[in-house]
Amino acid sequence: MQLIKVRVITKAKMNKVKQDGKNFKIYTSACPEKNKANKSIRELLADYLDKKPSQISIVEGLHSKLKTIQIN
């Protein structure tokens, strides 16, 4: 189990993940409505880390730009 800190930028022009040491910055084109951005974040991060989306879970910050994410 690993915990990482993530800053999220929604409504971006493109989807991408940037890593700066232990911190991540995730750009998603999804809107922060009806959990669309959170779902997109899990999928982008899973793809970036070569994991399954089911192995990624948001522990803190479900309604915030700053999130703590658990990776199993």
C-alpha atoms as a PDB file:
ATOM      1  CA  MET A   1       0.000   0.000   0.000  1.00  0.00           C
ATOM      2  CA  GLN A   2       1.304   3.410  -0.976  1.00  0.00           C
ATOM      3  CA  LEU A   3      -0.161   6.874  -0.354  1.00  0.00           C
ATOM      4  CA  ILE A   4       0.497   9.753  -2.748  1.00  0.00           C
ATOM      5  CA  LYS A   5      -0.542  13.406  -2.833  1.00  0.00           C
ATOM      6  CA  VAL A   6      -2.228  14.656  -5.997  1.00  0.00           C
ATOM      7  CA  ARG A   7      -3.218  18.110  -7.219  1.00  0.00           C
ATOM      8  CA  VAL A   8      -6.002  18.010  -9.799  1.00  0.00           C
ATOM      9  CA  ILE A   9      -6.691  20.478 -12.607  1.00  0.00           C
ATOM     10  CA  THR A  10     -10.142  19.890 -14.127  1.00  0.00           C
ATOM     11  CA  LYS A  11     -11.491  21.109 -17.457  1.00  0.00           C
ATOM     12  CA  ALA A  12      -7.986  20.947 -18.953  1.00  0.00           C
ATOM     13  CA  LYS A  13      -7.403  20.871 -22.690  1.00  0.00           C
ATOM     14  CA  MET A  14      -5.752  17.454 -22.477  1.00  0.00           C
ATOM     15  CA  ASN A  15      -5.439  14.558 -20.067  1.00  0.00           C
ATOM     16  CA  LYS A  16      -1.972  14.069 -18.618  1.00  0.00           C
ATOM     17  CA  VAL A  17      -0.090  13.151 -15.457  1.00  0.00           C
ATOM     18  CA  LYS A  18       3.005  14.997 -14.237  1.00  0.00           C
ATOM     19  CA  GLN A  19       5.194  13.685 -11.431  1.00  0.00           C
ATOM     20  CA  ASP A  20       7.452  15.886  -9.310  1.00  0.00           C
ATOM     21  CA  GLY A  21       9.192  13.678  -6.784  1.00  0.00           C
ATOM     22  CA  LYS A  22       6.465  12.111  -4.654  1.00  0.00           C
ATOM     23  CA  ASN A  23       3.782  14.618  -5.715  1.00  0.00           C
ATOM     24  CA  PHE A  24       1.610  14.308  -8.788  1.00  0.00           C
ATOM     25  CA  LYS A  25      -0.297  16.855 -10.837  1.00  0.00           C
ATOM     26  CA  ILE A  26      -3.125  15.437 -12.932  1.00  0.00           C
ATOM     27  CA  TYR A  27      -4.786  17.354 -15.755  1.00  0.00           C
ATOM     28  CA  THR A  28      -8.183  16.030 -16.785  1.00  0.00           C
ATOM     29  CA  SER A  29     -10.677  17.310 -19.312  1.00  0.00           C
ATOM     30  CA  ALA A  30     -13.539  15.957 -17.185  1.00  0.00           C
ATOM     31  CA  CYS A  31     -15.841  18.281 -15.280  1.00  0.00           C
ATOM     32  CA  PRO A  32     -15.876  18.065 -11.477  1.00  0.00           C
ATOM     33  CA  GLU A  33     -19.540  17.085 -11.477  1.00  0.00           C
ATOM     34  CA  LYS A  34     -21.183  13.758 -10.640  1.00  0.00           C
ATOM     35  CA  ASN A  35     -17.807  12.178  -9.782  1.00  0.00           C
ATOM     36  CA  LYS A  36     -16.660  12.360 -13.435  1.00  0.00           C
ATOM     37  CA  ALA A  37     -13.300  13.964 -12.598  1.00  0.00           C
ATOM     38  CA  ASN A  38     -12.542  11.473  -9.817  1.00  0.00           C
ATOM     39  CA  LYS A  39     -13.228   8.563 -12.154  1.00  0.00           C
ATOM     40  CA  SER A  40     -11.010  10.120 -14.804  1.00  0.00           C
ATOM     41  CA  ILE A  41      -8.230  10.698 -12.255  1.00  0.00           C
ATOM     42  CA  ARG A  42      -8.279   7.038 -11.201  1.00  0.00           C
ATOM     43  CA  GLU A  43      -8.111   5.899 -14.834  1.00  0.00           C
ATOM     44  CA  LEU A  44      -5.305   8.311 -15.783  1.00  0.00           C
ATOM     45  CA  LEU A  45      -3.224   7.458 -12.735  1.00  0.00           C
ATOM     46  CA  ALA A  46      -3.769   3.719 -13.211  1.00  0.00           C
ATOM     47  CA  ASP A  47      -2.606   3.991 -16.821  1.00  0.00           C
ATOM     48  CA  TYR A  48       0.435   6.083 -15.790  1.00  0.00           C
ATOM     49  CA  LEU A  49       1.457   3.632 -13.049  1.00  0.00           C
ATOM     50  CA  ASP A  50       0.565   0.457 -15.014  1.00  0.00           C
ATOM     51  CA  LYS A  51      -2.076  -0.536 -12.463  1.00  0.00           C
ATOM     52  CA  LYS A  52      -5.766  -1.372 -12.675  1.00  0.00           C
ATOM     53  CA  PRO A  53      -8.231   1.430 -11.797  1.00  0.00           C
ATOM     54  CA  SER A  54      -9.610  -0.827  -9.060  1.00  0.00           C
ATOM     55  CA  GLN A  55      -6.191  -0.655  -7.347  1.00  0.00           C
ATOM     56  CA  ILE A  56      -6.449   3.154  -7.076  1.00  0.00           C
ATOM     57  CA  SER A  57      -8.694   4.714  -4.426  1.00  0.00           C
ATOM     58  CA  ILE A  58      -9.165   8.272  -3.207  1.00  0.00           C
ATOM     59  CA  VAL A  59      -8.725   8.361   0.565  1.00  0.00           C
ATOM     60  CA  GLU A  60      -9.048  12.119   1.188  1.00  0.00           C
ATOM     61  CA  GLY A  61     -10.305  15.036  -0.867  1.00  0.00           C
ATOM     62  CA  LEU A  62     -13.227  13.601  -2.821  1.00  0.00           C
ATOM     63  CA  HIS A  63     -14.538  17.143  -3.354  1.00  0.00           C
ATOM     64  CA  SER A  64     -11.195  18.944  -3.350  1.00  0.00           C
ATOM     65  CA  LYS A  65      -8.397  19.708  -5.820  1.00  0.00           C
ATOM     66  CA  LEU A  66      -5.866  18.275  -3.365  1.00  0.00           C
ATOM     67  CA  LYS A  67      -6.299  14.548  -2.909  1.00  0.00           C
ATOM     68  CA  THR A  68      -4.601  11.705  -1.085  1.00  0.00           C
ATOM     69  CA  ILE A  69      -4.680   8.540  -3.136  1.00  0.00           C
ATOM     70  CA  GLN A  70      -3.994   4.983  -2.026  1.00  0.00           C
ATOM     71  CA  ILE A  71      -2.366   2.560  -4.458  1.00  0.00           C
ATOM     72  CA  ASN A  72      -2.602  -1.169  -3.749  1.00  0.00           C
END
